[in-house]
PDB file of N, CA and C in Angstrom:
ATOM      1  N   UNK A   1     120.498  68.395 123.867  1.00  0.00           N
ATOM      2  CA  UNK A   1     119.483  67.383 123.788  1.00  0.00           C
ATOM      3  C   UNK A   1     120.031  66.236 122.951  1.00  0.00           C
ATOM      4  N   UNK A   2     119.862  65.028 123.430  1.00  0.00           N
ATOM      5  CA  UNK A   2     120.346  63.875 122.689  1.00  0.00           C
ATOM      6  C   UNK A   2     119.383  63.542 121.567  1.00  0.00           C
ATOM      7  N   UNK A   3     119.871  62.712 120.638  1.00  0.00           N
ATOM      8  CA  UNK A   3     119.028  62.319 119.505  1.00  0.00           C
ATOM      9  C   UNK A   3     117.810  61.540 120.002  1.00  0.00           C
ATOM     10  N   UNK A   4     118.019  60.727 121.049  1.00  0.00           N
ATOM     11  CA  UNK A   4     116.910  59.939 121.591  1.00  0.00           C
ATOM     12  C   UNK A   4     115.839  60.854 122.181  1.00  0.00           C
ATOM     13  N   UNK A   5     116.254  61.857 122.953  1.00  0.00           N
ATOM     14  CA  UNK A   5     115.295  62.796 123.531  1.00  0.00           C
ATOM     15  C   UNK A   5     114.562  63.567 122.444  1.00  0.00           C
ATOM     16  N   UNK A   6     115.276  63.930 121.395  1.00  0.00           N
ATOM     17  CA  UNK A   6     114.641  64.655 120.302  1.00  0.00           C
ATOM     18  C   UNK A   6     113.593  63.789 119.611  1.00  0.00           C
ATOM     19  N   UNK A   7     113.910  62.506 119.426  1.00  0.00           N
ATOM     20  CA  UNK A   7     112.958  61.589 118.791  1.00  0.00           C
ATOM     21  C   UNK A   7     111.721  61.414 119.655  1.00  0.00           C
ATOM     22  N   UNK A   8     111.907  61.295 120.957  1.00  0.00           N
ATOM     23  CA  UNK A   8     110.779  61.153 121.868  1.00  0.00           C
ATOM     24  C   UNK A   8     109.929  62.407 121.845  1.00  0.00           C
ATOM     25  N   UNK A   9     110.576  63.547 121.836  1.00  0.00           N
ATOM     26  CA  UNK A   9     109.858  64.819 121.845  1.00  0.00           C
ATOM     27  C   UNK A   9     109.040  65.006 120.570  1.00  0.00           C
ATOM     28  N   UNK A  10     109.597  64.596 119.423  1.00  0.00           N
ATOM     29  CA  UNK A  10     108.884  64.745 118.168  1.00  0.00           C
ATOM     30  C   UNK A  10     107.697  63.802 118.067  1.00  0.00           C
ATOM     31  N   UNK A  11     107.781  62.666 118.719  1.00  0.00           N
ATOM     32  CA  UNK A  11     106.683  61.721 118.649  1.00  0.00           C
ATOM     33  C   UNK A  11     105.645  61.967 119.738  1.00  0.00           C
ATOM     34  N   UNK A  12     105.865  62.976 120.551  1.00  0.00           N
ATOM     35  CA  UNK A  12     104.949  63.305 121.635  1.00  0.00           C
ATOM     36  C   UNK A  12     103.627  63.810 121.052  1.00  0.00           C
ATOM     37  N   UNK A  13     102.505  63.119 121.350  1.00  0.00           N
ATOM     38  CA  UNK A  13     101.221  63.526 120.784  1.00  0.00           C
ATOM     39  C   UNK A  13     100.807  64.943 121.163  1.00  0.00           C
ATOM     40  N   UNK A  14     101.100  65.370 122.387  1.00  0.00           N
ATOM     41  CA  UNK A  14     100.701  66.716 122.787  1.00  0.00           C
ATOM     42  C   UNK A  14     101.474  67.767 121.988  1.00  0.00           C
ATOM     43  N   UNK A  15     102.710  67.465 121.653  1.00  0.00           N
ATOM     44  CA  UNK A  15     103.499  68.392 120.829  1.00  0.00           C
ATOM     45  C   UNK A  15     102.915  68.476 119.431  1.00  0.00           C
ATOM     46  N   UNK A  16     102.518  67.326 118.889  1.00  0.00           N
ATOM     47  CA  UNK A  16     101.904  67.326 117.562  1.00  0.00           C
ATOM     48  C   UNK A  16     100.590  68.098 117.589  1.00  0.00           C
ATOM     49  N   UNK A  17      99.834  67.952 118.658  1.00  0.00           N
ATOM     50  CA  UNK A  17      98.566  68.672 118.798  1.00  0.00           C
ATOM     51  C   UNK A  17      98.826  70.176 118.854  1.00  0.00           C
ATOM     52  N   UNK A  18      99.847  70.570 119.582  1.00  0.00           N
ATOM     53  CA  UNK A  18     100.211  71.983 119.670  1.00  0.00           C
ATOM     54  C   UNK A  18     100.606  72.553 118.317  1.00  0.00           C
ATOM     55  N   UNK A  19     101.355  71.781 117.556  1.00  0.00           N
ATOM     56  CA  UNK A  19     101.751  72.222 116.216  1.00  0.00           C
ATOM     57  C   UNK A  19     100.533  72.311 115.299  1.00  0.00           C
ATOM     58  N   UNK A  20      99.599  71.381 115.463  1.00  0.00           N
ATOM     59  CA  UNK A  20      98.373  71.411 114.672  1.00  0.00           C
ATOM     60  C   UNK A  20      97.581  72.685 114.978  1.00  0.00           C
ATOM     61  N   UNK A  21      97.504  73.045 116.257  1.00  0.00           N
ATOM     62  CA  UNK A  21      96.786  74.258 116.648  1.00  0.00           C
ATOM     63  C   UNK A  21      97.453  75.507 116.071  1.00  0.00           C
ATOM     64  N   UNK A  22      98.788  75.532 116.078  1.00  0.00           N
ATOM     65  CA  UNK A  22      99.506  76.662 115.477  1.00  0.00           C
ATOM     66  C   UNK A  22      99.200  76.761 113.984  1.00  0.00           C
ATOM     67  N   UNK A  23      99.246  75.616 113.307  1.00  0.00           N
ATOM     68  CA  UNK A  23      98.944  75.597 111.875  1.00  0.00           C
ATOM     69  C   UNK A  23      97.528  76.109 111.615  1.00  0.00           C
ATOM     70  N   UNK A  24      96.592  75.685 112.443  1.00  0.00           N
ATOM     71  CA  UNK A  24      95.203  76.113 112.279  1.00  0.00           C
ATOM     72  C   UNK A  24      95.071  77.630 112.475  1.00  0.00           C
ATOM     73  N   UNK A  25      95.755  78.157 113.483  1.00  0.00           N
ATOM     74  CA  UNK A  25      95.710  79.605 113.707  1.00  0.00           C
ATOM     75  C   UNK A  25      96.256  80.360 112.501  1.00  0.00           C
ATOM     76  N   UNK A  26      97.402  79.939 111.998  1.00  0.00           N
ATOM     77  CA  UNK A  26      97.979  80.609 110.831  1.00  0.00           C
ATOM     78  C   UNK A  26      97.051  80.491 109.619  1.00  0.00           C
ATOM     79  N   UNK A  27      96.451  79.322 109.432  1.00  0.00           N
ATOM     80  CA  UNK A  27      95.533  79.121 108.315  1.00  0.00           C
ATOM     81  C   UNK A  27      94.363  80.097 108.401  1.00  0.00           C
ATOM     82  N   UNK A  28      93.807  80.249 109.602  1.00  0.00           N
ATOM     83  CA  UNK A  28      92.677  81.155 109.776  1.00  0.00           C
ATOM     84  C   UNK A  28      93.098  82.616 109.613  1.00  0.00           C
ATOM     85  N   UNK A  29      94.311  82.938 110.014  1.00  0.00           N
ATOM     86  CA  UNK A  29      94.818  84.300 109.810  1.00  0.00           C
ATOM     87  C   UNK A  29      94.917  84.608 108.316  1.00  0.00           C
ATOM     88  N   UNK A  30      95.404  83.647 107.539  1.00  0.00           N
ATOM     89  CA  UNK A  30      95.499  83.845 106.095  1.00  0.00           C
ATOM     90  C   UNK A  30      94.117  83.968 105.463  1.00  0.00           C
ATOM     91  N   UNK A  31      93.149  83.180 105.959  1.00  0.00           N
ATOM     92  CA  UNK A  31      91.779  83.278 105.445  1.00  0.00           C
ATOM     93  C   UNK A  31      91.209  84.669 105.720  1.00  0.00           C
ATOM     94  N   UNK A  32      91.489  85.197 106.902  1.00  0.00           N
ATOM     95  CA  UNK A  32      91.001  86.523 107.247  1.00  0.00           C
ATOM     96  C   UNK A  32      91.667  87.584 106.372  1.00  0.00           C
ATOM     97  N   UNK A  33      92.948  87.419 106.133  1.00  0.00           N
ATOM     98  CA  UNK A  33      93.668  88.349 105.247  1.00  0.00           C
ATOM     99  C   UNK A  33      93.081  88.323 103.837  1.00  0.00           C
ATOM    100  N   UNK A  34      92.603  87.144 103.417  1.00  0.00           N
ATOM    101  CA  UNK A  34      92.027  86.996 102.081  1.00  0.00           C
ATOM    102  C   UNK A  34      90.562  87.416 102.048  1.00  0.00           C
ATOM    103  N   UNK A  35      90.065  87.915 103.164  1.00  0.00           N
ATOM    104  CA  UNK A  35      88.692  88.416 103.266  1.00  0.00           C
ATOM    105  C   UNK A  35      87.652  87.333 102.981  1.00  0.00           C
ATOM    106  N   UNK A  36      87.904  86.136 103.492  1.00  0.00           N
ATOM    107  CA  UNK A  36      86.953  85.039 103.343  1.00  0.00           C
ATOM    108  C   UNK A  36      85.791  85.222 104.305  1.00  0.00           C
ATOM    109  N   UNK A  37      84.582  84.919 103.886  1.00  0.00           N
ATOM    110  CA  UNK A  37      83.425  85.058 104.770  1.00  0.00           C
ATOM    111  C   UNK A  37      83.547  84.165 106.005  1.00  0.00           C
ATOM    112  N   UNK A  38      83.264  84.729 107.163  1.00  0.00           N
ATOM    113  CA  UNK A  38      83.291  83.976 108.409  1.00  0.00           C
ATOM    114  C   UNK A  38      84.674  83.739 108.983  1.00  0.00           C
ATOM    115  N   UNK A  39      85.697  84.270 108.341  1.00  0.00           N
ATOM    116  CA  UNK A  39      87.070  84.015 108.787  1.00  0.00           C
ATOM    117  C   UNK A  39      87.349  84.630 110.149  1.00  0.00           C
ATOM    118  N   UNK A  40      86.700  85.741 110.474  1.00  0.00           N
ATOM    119  CA  UNK A  40      86.926  86.358 111.786  1.00  0.00           C
ATOM    120  C   UNK A  40      86.425  85.454 112.906  1.00  0.00           C
ATOM    121  N   UNK A  41      85.271  84.845 112.706  1.00  0.00           N
ATOM    122  CA  UNK A  41      84.751  83.910 113.706  1.00  0.00           C
ATOM    123  C   UNK A  41      85.620  82.656 113.788  1.00  0.00           C
ATOM    124  N   UNK A  42      86.039  82.146 112.635  1.00  0.00           N
ATOM    125  CA  UNK A  42      86.887  80.953 112.615  1.00  0.00           C
ATOM    126  C   UNK A  42      88.221  81.202 113.316  1.00  0.00           C
ATOM    127  N   UNK A  43      88.789  82.387 113.107  1.00  0.00           N
ATOM    128  CA  UNK A  43      90.038  82.729 113.784  1.00  0.00           C
ATOM    129  C   UNK A  43      89.815  82.836 115.287  1.00  0.00           C
ATOM    130  N   UNK A  44      88.710  83.426 115.682  1.00  0.00           N
ATOM    131  CA  UNK A  44      88.390  83.548 117.105  1.00  0.00           C
ATOM    132  C   UNK A  44      88.289  82.174 117.760  1.00  0.00           C
ATOM    133  N   UNK A  45      87.620  81.252 117.093  1.00  0.00           N
ATOM    134  CA  UNK A  45      87.450  79.898 117.636  1.00  0.00           C
ATOM    135  C   UNK A  45      88.797  79.184 117.706  1.00  0.00           C
ATOM    136  N   UNK A  46      89.610  79.312 116.662  1.00  0.00           N
ATOM    137  CA  UNK A  46      90.933  78.669 116.664  1.00  0.00           C
ATOM    138  C   UNK A  46      91.798  79.227 117.790  1.00  0.00           C
ATOM    139  N   UNK A  47      91.713  80.530 118.018  1.00  0.00           N
ATOM    140  CA  UNK A  47      92.479  81.166 119.086  1.00  0.00           C
ATOM    141  C   UNK A  47      92.022  80.663 120.455  1.00  0.00           C
ATOM    142  N   UNK A  48      90.732  80.561 120.629  1.00  0.00           N
ATOM    143  CA  UNK A  48      90.188  80.049 121.880  1.00  0.00           C
ATOM    144  C   UNK A  48      90.616  78.600 122.124  1.00  0.00           C
ATOM    145  N   UNK A  49      90.567  77.779 121.087  1.00  0.00           N
ATOM    146  CA  UNK A  49      91.010  76.383 121.221  1.00  0.00           C
ATOM    147  C   UNK A  49      92.483  76.303 121.616  1.00  0.00           C
ATOM    148  N   UNK A  50      93.292  77.147 121.036  1.00  0.00           N
ATOM    149  CA  UNK A  50      94.721  77.144 121.352  1.00  0.00           C
ATOM    150  C   UNK A  50      94.952  77.535 122.807  1.00  0.00           C
ATOM    151  N   UNK A  51      94.225  78.543 123.300  1.00  0.00           N
ATOM    152  CA  UNK A  51      94.374  78.943 124.700  1.00  0.00           C
ATOM    153  C   UNK A  51      93.921  77.841 125.651  1.00  0.00           C
ATOM    154  N   UNK A  52      92.826  77.190 125.321  1.00  0.00           N
ATOM    155  CA  UNK A  52      92.342  76.103 126.171  1.00  0.00           C
ATOM    156  C   UNK A  52      93.366  74.976 126.206  1.00  0.00           C
ATOM    157  N   UNK A  53      93.920  74.634 125.055  1.00  0.00           N
ATOM    158  CA  UNK A  53      94.931  73.572 124.990  1.00  0.00           C
ATOM    159  C   UNK A  53      96.182  73.958 125.764  1.00  0.00           C
ATOM    160  N   UNK A  54      96.559  75.225 125.719  1.00  0.00           N
ATOM    161  CA  UNK A  54      97.770  75.648 126.423  1.00  0.00           C
ATOM    162  C   UNK A  54      97.559  75.653 127.929  1.00  0.00           C
ATOM    163  N   UNK A  55      96.318  75.735 128.343  1.00  0.00           N
ATOM    164  CA  UNK A  55      95.992  75.746 129.764  1.00  0.00           C
ATOM    165  C   UNK A  55      95.865  74.337 130.343  1.00  0.00           C
ATOM    166  N   UNK A  56      95.797  73.342 129.470  1.00  0.00           N
ATOM    167  CA  UNK A  56      95.661  71.967 129.930  1.00  0.00           C
ATOM    168  C   UNK A  56      97.010  71.444 130.418  1.00  0.00           C
ATOM    169  N   UNK A  57      97.000  70.241 130.901  1.00  0.00           N
ATOM    170  CA  UNK A  57      98.241  69.619 131.391  1.00  0.00           C
ATOM    171  C   UNK A  57      99.258  69.474 130.268  1.00  0.00           C
ATOM    172  N   UNK A  58      98.771  69.316 129.036  1.00  0.00           N
ATOM    173  CA  UNK A  58      99.667  69.112 127.904  1.00  0.00           C
ATOM    174  C   UNK A  58     100.342  70.406 127.444  1.00  0.00           C
ATOM    175  N   UNK A  59      99.784  71.540 127.829  1.00  0.00           N
ATOM    176  CA  UNK A  59     100.311  72.822 127.376  1.00  0.00           C
ATOM    177  C   UNK A  59     101.724  73.063 127.877  1.00  0.00           C
ATOM    178  N   UNK A  60     102.542  73.618 127.011  1.00  0.00           N
ATOM    179  CA  UNK A  60     103.917  73.914 127.391  1.00  0.00           C
ATOM    180  C   UNK A  60     104.080  75.420 127.543  1.00  0.00           C
ATOM    181  N   UNK A  61     105.106  75.804 128.263  1.00  0.00           N
ATOM    182  CA  UNK A  61     105.367  77.234 128.413  1.00  0.00           C
ATOM    183  C   UNK A  61     105.721  77.851 127.059  1.00  0.00           C
ATOM    184  N   UNK A  62     106.305  77.060 126.186  1.00  0.00           N
ATOM    185  CA  UNK A  62     106.651  77.541 124.841  1.00  0.00           C
ATOM    186  C   UNK A  62     105.381  77.905 124.066  1.00  0.00           C
ATOM    187  N   UNK A  63     104.355  77.067 124.151  1.00  0.00           N
ATOM    188  CA  UNK A  63     103.120  77.366 123.429  1.00  0.00           C
ATOM    189  C   UNK A  63     102.415  78.572 124.035  1.00  0.00           C
ATOM    190  N   UNK A  64     102.502  78.728 125.346  1.00  0.00           N
ATOM    191  CA  UNK A  64     101.885  79.894 125.988  1.00  0.00           C
ATOM    192  C   UNK A  64     102.600  81.181 125.572  1.00  0.00           C
ATOM    193  N   UNK A  65     103.916  81.135 125.502  1.00  0.00           N
ATOM    194  CA  UNK A  65     104.683  82.309 125.077  1.00  0.00           C
ATOM    195  C   UNK A  65     104.348  82.677 123.637  1.00  0.00           C
ATOM    196  N   UNK A  66     104.219  81.665 122.781  1.00  0.00           N
ATOM    197  CA  UNK A  66     103.856  81.914 121.398  1.00  0.00           C
ATOM    198  C   UNK A  66     102.470  82.559 121.329  1.00  0.00           C
ATOM    199  N   UNK A  67     101.532  82.042 122.120  1.00  0.00           N
ATOM    200  CA  UNK A  67     100.181  82.601 122.132  1.00  0.00           C
ATOM    201  C   UNK A  67     100.161  84.041 122.633  1.00  0.00           C
ATOM    202  N   UNK A  68     101.010  84.348 123.608  1.00  0.00           N
ATOM    203  CA  UNK A  68     101.073  85.715 124.115  1.00  0.00           C
ATOM    204  C   UNK A  68     101.537  86.678 123.023  1.00  0.00           C
ATOM    205  N   UNK A  69     102.352  86.189 122.104  1.00  0.00           N
ATOM    206  CA  UNK A  69     102.827  87.025 121.007  1.00  0.00           C
ATOM    207  C   UNK A  69     101.802  87.131 119.885  1.00  0.00           C
ATOM    208  N   UNK A  70     101.145  86.019 119.568  1.00  0.00           N
ATOM    209  CA  UNK A  70     100.259  85.977 118.407  1.00  0.00           C
ATOM    210  C   UNK A  70      98.854  86.494 118.720  1.00  0.00           C
ATOM    211  N   UNK A  71      98.417  86.376 119.963  1.00  0.00           N
ATOM    212  CA  UNK A  71      97.060  86.769 120.343  1.00  0.00           C
ATOM    213  C   UNK A  71      96.751  88.234 120.032  1.00  0.00           C
ATOM    214  N   UNK A  72      97.605  89.179 120.407  1.00  0.00           N
ATOM    215  CA  UNK A  72      97.299  90.578 120.084  1.00  0.00           C
ATOM    216  C   UNK A  72      97.182  90.825 118.578  1.00  0.00           C
ATOM    217  N   UNK A  73      97.985  90.134 117.796  1.00  0.00           N
ATOM    218  CA  UNK A  73      97.925  90.274 116.347  1.00  0.00           C
ATOM    219  C   UNK A  73      96.583  89.761 115.828  1.00  0.00           C
ATOM    220  N   UNK A  74      96.174  88.589 116.328  1.00  0.00           N
ATOM    221  CA  UNK A  74      94.893  88.012 115.916  1.00  0.00           C
ATOM    222  C   UNK A  74      93.737  88.936 116.287  1.00  0.00           C
ATOM    223  N   UNK A  75      93.774  89.470 117.492  1.00  0.00           N
ATOM    224  CA  UNK A  75      92.695  90.361 117.931  1.00  0.00           C
ATOM    225  C   UNK A  75      92.623  91.616 117.067  1.00  0.00           C
ATOM    226  N   UNK A  76      93.769  92.189 116.741  1.00  0.00           N
ATOM    227  CA  UNK A  76      93.777  93.360 115.859  1.00  0.00           C
ATOM    228  C   UNK A  76      93.207  93.024 114.483  1.00  0.00           C
ATOM    229  N   UNK A  77      93.554  91.850 113.981  1.00  0.00           N
ATOM    230  CA  UNK A  77      93.043  91.427 112.676  1.00  0.00           C
ATOM    231  C   UNK A  77      91.523  91.259 112.718  1.00  0.00           C
ATOM    232  N   UNK A  78      91.028  90.642 113.770  1.00  0.00           N
ATOM    233  CA  UNK A  78      89.580  90.419 113.911  1.00  0.00           C
ATOM    234  C   UNK A  78      88.853  91.754 114.011  1.00  0.00           C
ATOM    235  N   UNK A  79      89.370  92.650 114.839  1.00  0.00           N
ATOM    236  CA  UNK A  79      88.743  93.966 115.005  1.00  0.00           C
ATOM    237  C   UNK A  79      88.752  94.751 113.692  1.00  0.00           C
ATOM    238  N   UNK A  80      89.846  94.707 112.972  1.00  0.00           N
ATOM    239  CA  UNK A  80      89.941  95.422 111.700  1.00  0.00           C
ATOM    240  C   UNK A  80      88.950  94.856 110.684  1.00  0.00           C
ATOM    241  N   UNK A  81      88.825  93.539 110.646  1.00  0.00           N
ATOM    242  CA  UNK A  81      87.894  92.911 109.713  1.00  0.00           C
ATOM    243  C   UNK A  81      86.453  93.283 110.041  1.00  0.00           C
ATOM    244  N   UNK A  82      86.143  93.358 111.324  1.00  0.00           N
ATOM    245  CA  UNK A  82      84.789  93.719 111.724  1.00  0.00           C
ATOM    246  C   UNK A  82      84.493  95.174 111.401  1.00  0.00           C
ATOM    247  N   UNK A  83      85.456  96.047 111.550  1.00  0.00           N
ATOM    248  CA  UNK A  83      85.243  97.465 111.227  1.00  0.00           C
ATOM    249  C   UNK A  83      85.039  97.658 109.726  1.00  0.00           C
ATOM    250  N   UNK A  84      85.791  96.929 108.932  1.00  0.00           N
ATOM    251  CA  UNK A  84      85.665  97.043 107.479  1.00  0.00           C
ATOM    252  C   UNK A  84      84.301  96.535 107.019  1.00  0.00           C
ATOM    253  N   UNK A  85      83.856  95.431 107.612  1.00  0.00           N
ATOM    254  CA  UNK A  85      82.573  94.854 107.190  1.00  0.00           C
ATOM    255  C   UNK A  85      81.383  95.533 107.846  1.00  0.00           C
ATOM    256  N   UNK A  86      81.655  96.451 108.764  1.00  0.00           N
ATOM    257  CA  UNK A  86      80.569  97.168 109.421  1.00  0.00           C
ATOM    258  C   UNK A  86      79.882  96.391 110.507  1.00  0.00           C
ATOM    259  N   UNK A  87      80.537  95.341 110.997  1.00  0.00           N
ATOM    260  CA  UNK A  87      79.926  94.531 112.063  1.00  0.00           C
ATOM    261  C   UNK A  87      80.601  94.777 113.396  1.00  0.00           C
ATOM    262  N   UNK A  88      81.230  95.919 113.523  1.00  0.00           N
ATOM    263  CA  UNK A  88      81.873  96.258 114.795  1.00  0.00           C
ATOM    264  C   UNK A  88      80.787  96.396 115.851  1.00  0.00           C
ATOM    265  N   UNK A  89      80.865  95.560 116.852  1.00  0.00           N
ATOM    266  CA  UNK A  89      79.844  95.550 117.895  1.00  0.00           C
ATOM    267  C   UNK A  89      80.253  96.460 119.031  1.00  0.00           C
ATOM    268  N   UNK A  90      79.406  97.407 119.341  1.00  0.00           N
ATOM    269  CA  UNK A  90      79.679  98.310 120.456  1.00  0.00           C
ATOM    270  C   UNK A  90      78.687  98.043 121.563  1.00  0.00           C
ATOM    271  N   UNK A  91      79.115  98.288 122.769  1.00  0.00           N
ATOM    272  CA  UNK A  91      78.249  98.090 123.920  1.00  0.00           C
ATOM    273  C   UNK A  91      77.125  99.131 123.900  1.00  0.00           C
ATOM    274  N   UNK A  92      75.944  98.672 124.217  1.00  0.00           N
ATOM    275  CA  UNK A  92      74.812  99.569 124.331  1.00  0.00           C
ATOM    276  C   UNK A  92      74.761 100.072 125.757  1.00  0.00           C
ATOM    277  N   UNK A  93      74.731 101.372 125.912  1.00  0.00           N
ATOM    278  CA  UNK A  93      74.741 101.938 127.260  1.00  0.00           C
ATOM    279  C   UNK A  93      73.391 102.485 127.615  1.00  0.00           C
TER     280      UNK A  93
END
């Protein structure tokens, strides 16, 4: 990759948006680890926003691959937090 292409890529707004979404996901994961109130819902929303963004025209295959790796971790964290707090929701049969 040339220096010019790298500069263009770094100034790409969709790339910056993708990095912002990654930062937000990590921030919410840390909040959940710190047992902050409502962090499980906030992480869920951040994860959903990231998936929606990756599905748009701006989404890159790199961001989708990252989400495929991080999503199972986020889901396990959310489920564990809900079990600890006693808010594990089970289907009523």
